[in-house]
Structures are given as C-alpha cells and as structure tokens.
Amino acid sequence: MGANGAPLFNENRLKLGFFSPNCSSGMSVTKAPERWENSWENNIALAKLADEAGIEFLLPIARWIGYGGETDFHGSVLETITWATGLLAHTQHINVFATVHTAFIHPVVAAKQLATADQLGKGRLGLNVVAGWNKPEYDAFGIDLPEQHTDRYALAQEWFDVVKKIWNHDGPFDWDGTFFKLKGVYGYPRPFDGNPPIMNAAGSQEGRQFATRNADYLFCISIDPDQSRQEVIDIKKQAKSNGRTTGAVTLSHVVCRPTKKEAEDYLDYYANEFADWDAVDNLMQLQGLHAQSFPADALEMLRGRFAAGHGTYPLVGDPDTIVNEMERIADAGFAGTTISFVDYVKEFPYFRDEVLPRLEARGLRMPVEQARRAAGG
C-alpha cells in the first residue's frame, strides 16, 4: 500500500482511530470491574473489528510505569513497536502506529524495528514520535528529564533526522551531532514504500514547531471544538510556513447508549462513583508539572474528564447526540479524532452499527470500500 496510500490519507472528512488499547484501563481512570483489559487477545479482537469497520488507525501510548492509585492506571502496557508489528500481521487495511520515545530508544535500533514492521504490514505502519515528559519514567531509565522543552525537542529532532536518513540514504554514513555520534550507519530493508505516516502530540510551543516541521498530523486536546477553530488554523499556517501540510487531530472518549440518560448514568457510574481518584490526581499533577498538553487554568476544571477519558473530549449520549458532536469537531477544522471506550470490544459494535452510518449520511465519512479506493488501498 505504501505511505501515500495509507488509510490515514483517505478523503474522509472525519478520520477515526482507537487510542490506548495497549494500556491497562485504556483511557478510563476507573475502578469499574468491566474496565479494559489490555490482553493480547483483546487487542487482536479490537484490531479486527476496527479493520473491518474501516477505522483508519490504531494508536498506542508508550508507558513504562503506571500512575498509581488502586488500579495502578497504565501499570500494564504492551510495548508499542512489538504491539504494532503483531497487529499488522492480524489486519489487512488499517494503519497501526508505534509510539516511540526519542529519549529511550536509540534511533538506529528504532529505524530497523520500524522498517521491519512496515515490511510486514506492506506500508501500513505509522510512527508517533514522542519527545517525553513523564519524569518518573526518566527516573526509571536513569536519565535526567531536561527542564526546558527546547532541549527535549532538540533531541527529538536529531533523533528523527537520523531515522529518516537511515531510511532514505544509500549506503553507510557518519553522523556527528549534538546527541548522537555515529560511524558507518545504514539500514536495510527500508520501509515498504516510502516513509511511514508521522504523528506527534504536542501542546508546548516547541512541540508545535516540531510537529509542523515533521508530522503529517498533530494531536491536540480540544476543550471545546468551537474554541479550537483558531488553534487549528494556526497549526495549518505554521505548517505551511515550513513548506508542509500538517493536519490537526483531537482526542475523544465515547459513551454511546440508546438514550442520553443511559449514557450519562454510565458516565457517572464509571467516572465518578468508581473513579480511581488517586490515579487521576497523580496523572494530572504530572501533566501539569511536565507535559504542557493542557492549559494550566483548565486542569482542575478537567478533573472529571481525566477520570472519564484521560482529559479528552467527551462524546456522551445517544447516537444522534454523538454524531452532532463529531460534526462540530470536523467543522472546527480537525481532520479526525481518536476514540476510546471503557471496554473497546464490548462497546464498539453498537457505535459501529449506529454512529458510523449516521456519519456517512452527514457526509463526514464514506462507505468503507469507497474510502479505501480513495486512499489507493
């Protein structure tokens, strides 16, 4: 299929991807007993459901230690390159991303691993580049977290430049950089057919600059879609000034039920009554100290959203309500959104059967085969 024919580059107005199914509890910081179990079997089942339904991508979170609380939220996480490679072998059409910390994985190793996975998937691998922000993880690796975002992204840029050169340079080369000193480096095989699609999530100024220089899509949190319009315009303008086209994608959590009341009752059950508040507070504290993904004045207001879906935008209600909200996301200029559920495999079929047809009727998505033909896949 190759990078240019990736599902992510189809003509759907609103692209969709599952986020964080490789992590224990997914995106829901809850003690509810039915919370997501990130077993390999569950991930294969979800990948196949998504593939058949025409969902564009699967995106993992790279985590190395959990956030504590009664559930130790994200204490169990399937490593993302291995995860992506395995799921590419179990699917036929969908893009599967690997999320790679530039501070923890050497670029020569990463370039080889990612190219191997892309060969297996015949061009369906994607790369989500992460500069890193979680200080306890840096401590676990015995590495100092740079205080300045500028330093984190200087390393990320050099890391990415090395990976790209390995993928695109004929024969061995030397590299004399600030962070990497390499001699006689080369990498074969190459990615299947061109470089994989690149994603990046960033809230800081330095992160946005990195994304608009390098990524095809930038993830950004939306507090409210209408308020995000100018942000999306600014991202596209910044990318254009760098000679690039970078789309903006946001992140959402879903509670879809036949009635709005049923959805709101379930939200209250898992994200209030059964919330793992200690894990929520640990996560929010680390985000506020180091990540800069959320505006500082919005963090406390978003505490309930962190319990419900890691701070992402709520899609809660009956199918029509959810489609209305998703249309607002598209109208704000976002190219797509991630989705997550308390139990992805159990809850997605209802969303697939009730929401996806409504999105097609609104012109936000095309029928599956039409979208695949438009992407060349």
Protein backbone atom coordinates (compact mmCIF):
# COMPACT_ATOMS: atom_id res chain seq x y z
CA MET A 1 0.00 0.00 0.00
CA GLY A 2 2.81 2.41 0.85
CA ALA A 3 2.71 5.64 2.83
CA ASN A 4 0.89 7.67 0.19
CA GLY A 5 -1.89 5.08 0.04
CA ALA A 6 -2.20 4.82 3.82
CA PRO A 7 -5.76 4.69 5.20
CA LEU A 8 -4.91 7.79 7.19
CA PHE A 9 -4.69 9.73 3.92
CA ASN A 10 -8.15 8.82 2.64
CA GLU A 11 -10.74 11.51 1.84
CA ASN A 12 -12.97 11.09 4.89
CA ARG A 13 -13.72 14.47 6.48
CA LEU A 14 -13.51 12.89 9.92
CA LYS A 15 -10.95 10.13 10.35
CA LEU A 16 -11.16 7.84 13.36
CA GLY A 17 -8.65 5.88 15.38
CA PHE A 18 -8.63 3.85 18.56
CA PHE A 19 -6.33 5.27 21.23
CA SER A 20 -4.54 3.45 24.04
CA PRO A 21 -5.92 -0.11 23.82
CA ASN A 22 -2.40 -1.39 24.56
CA CYS A 23 -2.71 0.08 28.08
CA SER A 24 -4.47 -1.32 31.12
CA SER A 25 -7.80 0.51 31.58
CA GLY A 26 -7.38 2.17 28.18
CA MET A 27 -8.21 5.85 28.68
CA SER A 28 -10.68 5.40 31.57
CA VAL A 29 -9.20 6.05 35.03
CA THR A 30 -11.78 3.89 36.74
CA LYS A 31 -12.12 1.04 39.20
CA ALA A 32 -15.19 -0.31 37.40
CA PRO A 33 -14.73 -4.09 37.12
CA GLU A 34 -15.51 -4.11 33.38
CA ARG A 35 -12.67 -1.66 32.61
CA TRP A 36 -10.46 -2.52 29.65
CA GLU A 37 -8.11 -5.46 29.99
CA ASN A 38 -5.21 -4.88 27.62
CA SER A 39 -4.63 -8.57 26.88
CA TRP A 40 -3.17 -9.58 23.54
CA GLU A 41 -6.38 -11.43 22.74
CA ASN A 42 -8.47 -8.32 23.37
CA ASN A 43 -6.17 -6.20 21.23
CA ILE A 44 -6.39 -8.65 18.32
CA ALA A 45 -10.17 -8.71 18.61
CA LEU A 46 -10.35 -4.91 18.59
CA ALA A 47 -7.91 -4.60 15.69
CA LYS A 48 -10.00 -6.95 13.57
CA LEU A 49 -13.23 -5.12 14.42
CA ALA A 50 -11.63 -1.78 13.54
CA ASP A 51 -10.12 -3.14 10.32
CA GLU A 52 -13.45 -4.49 9.10
CA ALA A 53 -15.30 -1.28 10.02
CA GLY A 54 -12.93 0.98 8.07
CA ILE A 55 -11.43 2.75 11.09
CA GLU A 56 -8.28 4.49 9.86
CA PHE A 57 -5.76 3.79 12.61
CA LEU A 58 -4.80 2.23 15.92
CA LEU A 59 -2.63 4.37 18.19
CA PRO A 60 -0.87 3.17 21.36
CA ILE A 61 0.52 5.06 24.31
CA ALA A 62 4.13 4.29 25.25
CA ARG A 63 4.29 3.96 29.03
CA TRP A 64 6.91 2.35 31.24
CA ILE A 65 5.43 2.73 34.73
CA GLY A 66 1.89 3.35 35.95
CA TYR A 67 0.18 6.23 37.71
CA GLY A 68 -0.60 4.51 40.99
CA GLY A 69 -3.99 4.57 42.66
CA GLU A 70 -5.93 1.41 43.44
CA THR A 71 -5.76 0.27 39.80
CA ASP A 72 -2.21 1.48 39.07
CA PHE A 73 -3.62 3.09 35.93
CA HIS A 74 -1.40 2.20 32.94
CA GLY A 75 0.73 -0.05 35.11
CA SER A 76 0.48 -2.74 32.42
CA VAL A 77 1.32 -1.60 28.90
CA LEU A 78 2.15 -3.63 25.79
CA GLU A 79 5.33 -2.26 24.20
CA THR A 80 4.28 -0.35 21.12
CA ILE A 81 6.62 -1.48 18.34
CA THR A 82 6.04 -5.14 19.22
CA TRP A 83 2.31 -4.44 19.57
CA ALA A 84 2.11 -2.70 16.19
CA THR A 85 4.04 -5.44 14.42
CA GLY A 86 1.79 -8.15 15.81
CA LEU A 87 -1.42 -6.30 14.92
CA LEU A 88 -0.21 -5.58 11.40
CA ALA A 89 0.04 -9.35 10.96
CA HIS A 90 -3.60 -9.75 12.04
CA THR A 91 -5.10 -6.98 9.86
CA GLN A 92 -5.29 -6.09 6.18
CA HIS A 93 -6.12 -2.40 5.74
CA ILE A 94 -5.74 -0.32 8.89
CA ASN A 95 -2.75 1.86 9.82
CA VAL A 96 -1.16 0.67 13.07
CA PHE A 97 1.09 3.16 14.83
CA ALA A 98 4.09 2.62 17.03
CA THR A 99 4.70 5.32 19.65
CA VAL A 100 8.41 5.81 20.25
CA HIS A 101 10.14 7.83 22.98
CA THR A 102 13.13 9.54 21.41
CA ALA A 103 14.89 9.71 24.78
CA PHE A 104 14.66 5.99 25.47
CA ILE A 105 15.03 4.15 22.13
CA HIS A 106 18.21 4.57 20.07
CA PRO A 107 17.43 5.82 16.54
CA VAL A 108 19.50 3.11 14.82
CA VAL A 109 17.53 0.42 16.65
CA ALA A 110 14.21 2.18 16.10
CA ALA A 111 14.82 2.67 12.37
CA LYS A 112 15.43 -1.04 11.91
CA GLN A 113 12.48 -2.12 14.06
CA LEU A 114 10.05 0.24 12.34
CA ALA A 115 11.18 -0.66 8.84
CA THR A 116 10.78 -4.34 9.67
CA ALA A 117 7.25 -3.77 10.93
CA ASP A 118 6.40 -1.73 7.84
CA GLN A 119 7.64 -4.53 5.61
CA LEU A 120 5.37 -6.95 7.43
CA GLY A 121 2.40 -4.58 7.12
CA LYS A 122 3.12 -3.70 3.47
CA GLY A 123 3.18 0.02 4.19
CA ARG A 124 0.61 0.23 6.98
CA LEU A 125 2.90 1.14 9.87
CA GLY A 126 2.71 4.63 11.33
CA LEU A 127 5.14 6.38 13.67
CA ASN A 128 4.07 8.56 16.59
CA VAL A 129 7.16 10.47 17.75
CA VAL A 130 7.21 11.33 21.48
CA ALA A 131 9.80 13.66 22.99
CA GLY A 132 8.88 12.56 26.53
CA TRP A 133 7.60 14.40 29.59
CA ASN A 134 6.92 11.90 32.40
CA LYS A 135 9.70 12.44 34.97
CA PRO A 136 9.17 9.16 36.88
CA GLU A 137 9.79 7.30 33.62
CA TYR A 138 13.02 9.22 33.04
CA ASP A 139 13.99 8.28 36.61
CA ALA A 140 13.24 4.64 35.84
CA PHE A 141 15.66 4.82 32.89
CA GLY A 142 18.27 6.66 34.93
CA ILE A 143 18.03 9.68 32.62
CA ASP A 144 17.55 13.31 33.60
CA LEU A 145 14.42 14.98 32.24
CA PRO A 146 15.54 18.20 30.55
CA GLU A 147 13.81 21.09 32.25
CA GLN A 148 13.45 23.02 29.02
CA HIS A 149 11.08 21.84 26.29
CA THR A 150 13.60 23.28 23.83
CA ASP A 151 16.16 20.67 24.88
CA ARG A 152 13.66 17.79 24.69
CA TYR A 153 12.69 18.71 21.16
CA ALA A 154 16.27 19.37 20.04
CA LEU A 155 16.96 15.71 20.91
CA ALA A 156 13.73 14.60 19.23
CA GLN A 157 14.59 16.47 16.04
CA GLU A 158 18.06 14.97 15.81
CA TRP A 159 16.66 11.50 16.59
CA PHE A 160 14.09 11.85 13.82
CA ASP A 161 16.67 13.21 11.37
CA VAL A 162 18.86 10.16 11.98
CA VAL A 163 15.94 7.77 11.46
CA LYS A 164 14.91 9.49 8.23
CA LYS A 165 18.45 9.44 6.89
CA ILE A 166 18.79 5.72 7.64
CA TRP A 167 15.55 5.15 5.73
CA ASN A 168 16.50 7.28 2.73
CA HIS A 169 20.29 7.30 2.35
CA ASP A 170 22.09 4.85 0.07
CA GLY A 171 24.97 3.13 1.79
CA PRO A 172 26.69 3.89 5.11
CA PHE A 173 27.14 7.36 6.56
CA ASP A 174 28.67 9.04 9.60
CA TRP A 175 26.73 11.33 11.93
CA ASP A 176 28.38 13.95 14.11
CA GLY A 177 25.54 15.59 16.01
CA THR A 178 24.89 17.06 19.42
CA PHE A 179 23.24 13.93 20.82
CA PHE A 180 24.43 11.15 18.51
CA LYS A 181 27.91 10.31 17.21
CA LEU A 182 27.61 7.50 14.65
CA LYS A 183 30.01 5.87 12.22
CA GLY A 184 29.23 3.71 9.20
CA VAL A 185 25.46 3.65 9.81
CA TYR A 186 22.99 2.26 7.31
CA GLY A 187 19.74 0.37 7.44
CA TYR A 188 18.16 -2.21 5.19
CA PRO A 189 15.46 -3.12 4.47
CA ARG A 190 13.83 0.24 4.02
CA PRO A 191 10.20 0.91 4.92
CA PHE A 192 7.90 -0.84 2.47
CA ASP A 193 7.16 2.03 0.07
CA GLY A 194 8.20 5.43 1.33
CA ASN A 195 8.42 6.77 4.85
CA PRO A 196 5.53 5.86 7.19
CA PRO A 197 2.92 8.47 8.19
CA ILE A 198 4.13 10.55 11.12
CA MET A 199 2.06 11.72 14.08
CA ASN A 200 3.03 13.84 17.05
CA ALA A 201 1.19 15.13 20.11
CA ALA A 202 2.30 18.50 21.45
CA GLY A 203 0.94 21.37 23.48
CA SER A 204 4.05 23.49 24.03
CA GLN A 205 5.37 26.00 21.51
CA GLU A 206 8.46 23.87 20.94
CA GLY A 207 6.31 20.79 20.42
CA ARG A 208 4.09 22.55 17.89
CA GLN A 209 7.16 23.70 15.99
CA PHE A 210 8.48 20.14 15.90
CA ALA A 211 5.15 18.75 14.72
CA THR A 212 4.64 21.29 11.97
CA ARG A 213 8.16 20.63 10.68
CA ASN A 214 7.91 16.85 10.69
CA ALA A 215 4.44 15.36 11.22
CA ASP A 216 1.53 14.64 8.92
CA TYR A 217 -0.88 15.02 11.83
CA LEU A 218 -0.61 16.82 15.14
CA PHE A 219 -2.71 15.71 18.10
CA CYS A 220 -4.09 18.50 20.23
CA ILE A 221 -6.54 18.49 23.11
CA SER A 222 -9.83 20.27 22.50
CA ILE A 223 -11.64 21.72 25.49
CA ASP A 224 -14.48 22.69 23.14
CA PRO A 225 -14.46 22.28 19.33
CA ASP A 226 -15.71 25.81 18.65
CA GLN A 227 -12.91 27.24 20.75
CA SER A 228 -10.37 25.14 18.82
CA ARG A 229 -11.05 26.66 15.40
CA GLN A 230 -8.35 29.31 15.58
CA GLU A 231 -5.85 26.85 17.03
CA VAL A 232 -6.37 24.54 14.06
CA ILE A 233 -5.98 27.45 11.63
CA ASP A 234 -2.75 28.48 13.35
CA ILE A 235 -1.35 24.93 13.16
CA LYS A 236 -2.03 24.76 9.43
CA LYS A 237 -0.49 28.20 8.86
CA GLN A 238 2.60 27.27 10.82
CA ALA A 239 2.99 24.06 8.82
CA LYS A 240 2.55 25.95 5.56
CA SER A 241 5.32 28.36 6.57
CA ASN A 242 7.54 25.28 6.92
CA GLY A 243 6.56 24.10 3.46
CA ARG A 244 4.43 21.30 4.86
CA THR A 245 0.82 20.22 5.23
CA THR A 246 0.07 19.17 8.79
CA GLY A 247 -3.47 18.32 9.82
CA ALA A 248 -4.84 18.56 13.35
CA VAL A 249 -6.45 15.59 15.09
CA THR A 250 -8.11 15.70 18.51
CA LEU A 251 -8.87 13.04 21.11
CA SER A 252 -12.23 11.87 22.48
CA HIS A 253 -13.76 9.32 24.83
CA VAL A 254 -17.11 7.73 23.99
CA VAL A 255 -20.13 6.61 25.97
CA CYS A 256 -22.78 5.73 23.41
CA ARG A 257 -26.13 4.33 24.55
CA PRO A 258 -29.67 4.22 23.10
CA THR A 259 -30.67 7.23 25.24
CA LYS A 260 -28.79 10.23 26.51
CA LYS A 261 -29.80 9.43 30.09
CA GLU A 262 -28.38 5.91 29.87
CA ALA A 263 -25.10 7.32 28.60
CA GLU A 264 -24.92 10.00 31.29
CA ASP A 265 -25.78 7.48 34.01
CA TYR A 266 -22.99 5.17 32.87
CA LEU A 267 -20.54 8.07 32.72
CA ASP A 268 -21.40 8.98 36.31
CA TYR A 269 -21.02 5.34 37.37
CA TYR A 270 -17.55 4.70 35.97
CA ALA A 271 -16.03 8.21 36.01
CA ASN A 272 -17.42 9.47 39.31
CA GLU A 273 -18.69 6.73 41.59
CA PHE A 274 -15.95 4.29 40.54
CA ALA A 275 -13.23 6.75 39.51
CA ASP A 276 -9.71 5.97 40.70
CA TRP A 277 -9.21 9.47 42.05
CA ASP A 278 -5.71 8.86 43.40
CA ALA A 279 -4.55 7.82 39.93
CA VAL A 280 -6.43 10.78 38.41
CA ASP A 281 -4.65 13.22 40.70
CA ASN A 282 -1.25 11.63 40.10
CA LEU A 283 -1.79 11.85 36.34
CA MET A 284 -2.98 15.45 36.49
CA GLN A 285 -0.09 16.50 38.69
CA LEU A 286 2.47 15.05 36.29
CA GLN A 287 0.70 16.60 33.30
CA GLY A 288 0.69 19.99 34.97
CA LEU A 289 4.33 19.80 36.01
CA HIS A 290 5.91 18.48 32.85
CA ALA A 291 3.71 17.84 29.82
CA GLN A 292 2.15 21.22 28.92
CA SER A 293 -0.53 19.35 26.97
CA PHE A 294 -3.30 21.19 28.80
CA PRO A 295 -3.69 24.88 29.62
CA ALA A 296 -2.76 25.32 33.28
CA ASP A 297 -6.01 27.06 34.18
CA ALA A 298 -8.04 24.24 32.61
CA LEU A 299 -6.53 21.32 34.52
CA GLU A 300 -8.71 21.49 37.62
CA MET A 301 -11.84 22.08 35.56
CA LEU A 302 -10.98 18.94 33.62
CA ARG A 303 -10.63 16.61 36.61
CA GLY A 304 -13.83 14.76 35.70
CA ARG A 305 -12.67 14.42 32.11
CA PHE A 306 -9.42 12.88 33.31
CA ALA A 307 -11.37 10.20 35.14
CA ALA A 308 -13.62 9.64 32.13
CA GLY A 309 -11.01 9.63 29.41
CA HIS A 310 -7.55 10.95 30.31
CA GLY A 311 -8.72 14.54 29.78
CA THR A 312 -10.04 14.04 26.25
CA TYR A 313 -13.22 15.48 24.74
CA PRO A 314 -16.46 13.75 25.84
CA LEU A 315 -18.70 12.12 23.24
CA VAL A 316 -21.50 11.09 25.58
CA GLY A 317 -25.11 10.42 24.64
CA ASP A 318 -27.36 8.68 22.15
CA PRO A 319 -26.06 8.12 18.59
CA ASP A 320 -27.58 11.34 17.23
CA THR A 321 -26.07 13.44 20.00
CA ILE A 322 -22.66 11.91 19.40
CA VAL A 323 -22.85 12.48 15.64
CA ASN A 324 -23.76 16.12 16.26
CA GLU A 325 -20.68 16.50 18.45
CA MET A 326 -18.47 14.77 15.90
CA GLU A 327 -19.72 17.11 13.21
CA ARG A 328 -18.68 20.03 15.46
CA ILE A 329 -15.20 18.50 15.63
CA ALA A 330 -14.99 18.31 11.84
CA ASP A 331 -16.43 21.81 11.41
CA ALA A 332 -13.70 23.14 13.73
CA GLY A 333 -11.18 22.00 11.14
CA PHE A 334 -9.96 18.81 12.76
CA ALA A 335 -9.13 16.05 10.31
CA GLY A 336 -10.26 13.43 12.80
CA THR A 337 -10.45 12.26 16.37
CA THR A 338 -9.33 9.30 18.39
CA ILE A 339 -11.98 7.35 20.27
CA SER A 340 -11.84 5.20 23.37
CA PHE A 341 -14.34 3.22 25.44
CA VAL A 342 -14.40 1.70 28.91
CA ASP A 343 -14.46 -1.69 27.14
CA TYR A 344 -13.50 -1.20 23.50
CA VAL A 345 -14.53 -4.62 22.20
CA LYS A 346 -17.86 -4.73 24.02
CA GLU A 347 -18.94 -1.16 23.24
CA PHE A 348 -17.61 -0.54 19.74
CA PRO A 349 -20.12 -2.74 17.84
CA TYR A 350 -23.04 -0.52 18.92
CA PHE A 351 -21.05 2.57 17.90
CA ARG A 352 -20.20 0.88 14.59
CA ASP A 353 -23.80 -0.03 13.84
CA GLU A 354 -25.45 3.21 14.97
CA VAL A 355 -22.90 6.03 14.68
CA LEU A 356 -20.85 5.17 11.59
CA PRO A 357 -23.89 5.03 9.25
CA ARG A 358 -25.06 8.39 10.59
CA LEU A 359 -21.60 9.87 9.94
CA GLU A 360 -21.84 8.61 6.35
CA ALA A 361 -25.29 10.16 5.99
CA ARG A 362 -23.87 13.51 7.17
CA GLY A 363 -21.06 13.31 4.60
CA LEU A 364 -18.41 13.05 7.30
CA ARG A 365 -17.30 9.57 6.23
CA MET A 366 -17.57 7.48 3.10
CA PRO A 367 -18.60 3.82 2.90
CA VAL A 368 -15.64 1.61 3.76
CA GLU A 369 -14.78 0.36 0.26
CA GLN A 370 -15.12 3.83 -1.24
CA ALA A 371 -12.75 5.29 1.35
CA ARG A 372 -10.22 2.52 0.69
CA ARG A 373 -10.32 3.10 -3.05
CA ALA A 374 -9.83 6.83 -2.49
CA ALA A 375 -6.71 6.10 -0.44
CA GLY A 376 -5.37 3.69 -3.06
CA GLY A 377 -5.60 0.73 -0.70
